C-alpha cells in the first residue's frame, strides 16, 4: 500500500507542476450551471414568442381592419419589433432586471454591459443571461404592439412611433420591474406567471385610454367597418395559439414538468374560451361566427396567462369558460354601454381577460404546482394581493398613457386627417396599397 502511494505521488507531482505552470482557460475555471436542455427549450420559446408579434399579431390585426388599412396595421407590428428591441437592449432590460429596488432597476446592464458568455441571471440560473434577456425582450415587443389594435384605422404613424417609445419607458419598464424584477408588487406577493398585469392588463388599459383620447373612427356606428379578410385573422390566431406555448411554457425558464403543466393549461383554456364564445353567439345570434370563436380562443389564452404556472390543467378549462363569458360581455354589452371605439377589442379581450386571470390566480392557485395557495386552498389573502396588483396596474397605466398622449400631441397630431382616414392609412402613411 505504501509503495503504491509513493509511486502515485511521484506521478502526480509532474501533473501538479504542469497545472500550475499552464494558464487555466477562464471558461473552464468555474463550474457553470447552464443546462443544455433548458437552453435549447428557451431558444425555441424565444422564437415562439417573437413569432407572436410577427407574423401572428400582424396577421391577426390586419385581417380585422378594412382593406385600405391592412399594410399600415402590419407596419405597426413590424415597427414595434424593431423599435422596442433596440430600446430593450439599450436600457430597458437593465432598468427591469438589473437591481431589485422597489421602483426601478439600475443601468448596470445598459447595452448589455459586462454580460459574459456564461453569465446568468438569478431568475433563470440554468440558461445564459443573454438568452434570458432576449426572451424577456419578446414580451416587451408584443405588449407595445398589442396597444395599436385599439387605435387601428386612425393613428398617425409618426405619433405611433413616439407613443410606443414613451409607453415602453413610462408603462412597460416600471410594471415589468415591479412584478418580475423584484419591485414592490413582487415583494407584496403578487403572482403573475407570464404577464396578466405586465402584458395584457397594461396593453388593454393603454388601448382603452388611447381609443378614448383619439376618438371614434369616422363612420363608427353608421358605416360598415367589417373586417377585410378574416382568413388572415384565423391564421394569425393559430400562430398566436402555438406561440403562447412559448409565452407561458417558457416562463418556467426550464425544460421541465412545470413548463408542460403550464402549456397544457394554456391549450385547454384556449379551447374552452373558443367553445364558450361560439356557444354564446349561437344562443344569442343563432350563428357562431368565426370572428367570435377566434376572439374566444385569444380571450382564453390571455386569461390563463397569469395563472398558467400556478394552477392544474383542469383549472385551465374553468378559466377558459370564465374568459369566454366575461370577455364576450365586455366586447358586446360593456362596449356599447360605454360607447368607446376600441377598434380590435384590445381592452375587452386583453384588458378584461388579463384582469380576470390575475384574480382567478388568487382563487385557483395550487401550492403543489406553483408553490402558492389560493382561496380554494384556504388562503384568501392571495386574492386581496392580486386585487392590489390590478388596481396599481390600472391606475398607473391609465394616468401614464393619458399624460403621454397629451405630450405627444404637442409635437405631432395623434390622428390622421379625415381625408387621410377616408383614403386609408396604407396610402396616406406609407404610400402603398393592396391591389
Foldseek 3Di string as FASTA:
>chain_A
DVVVVVVVVVVVVVVVVVVVPDDDDVVPPDDALADPQLQVLLVVLLVLLLVLLPPQVLLQLLQWFAQLASVVLSVLSVLLLVVLLVVLLQALVQQQAADQEQFTHDRCCGNHPPQDPRDPGPLQRHYRNVSVSSSVSSLLSVLLSLLVLQVGLWFFPVLSNLLSVLCSVQAQSRLSNNCPRNHVLVVLPQFFLQDLLNRQQLSLLLNQLVLVVRDAAVCVPHDDGGGHHCVSSVVSLVSNLSSLLSRRLCSVSGPDVLSVQLNLLLNLLLVLQLVLQQVVCCVPVVGRDPLSSSLRSLLLNLQCRRQSQFAGSVVSNVLSNVSNVQLSCCVPVVCVVVVTRRPSSSNSRRNRSSLNSSLVSQAGGDCVGNNDDHVVVPDPVNNVSSVVSSVVSNVSSNVSSNVSSVVSCVPPNGTDDSVDSVSHCCCVRPNDGDD
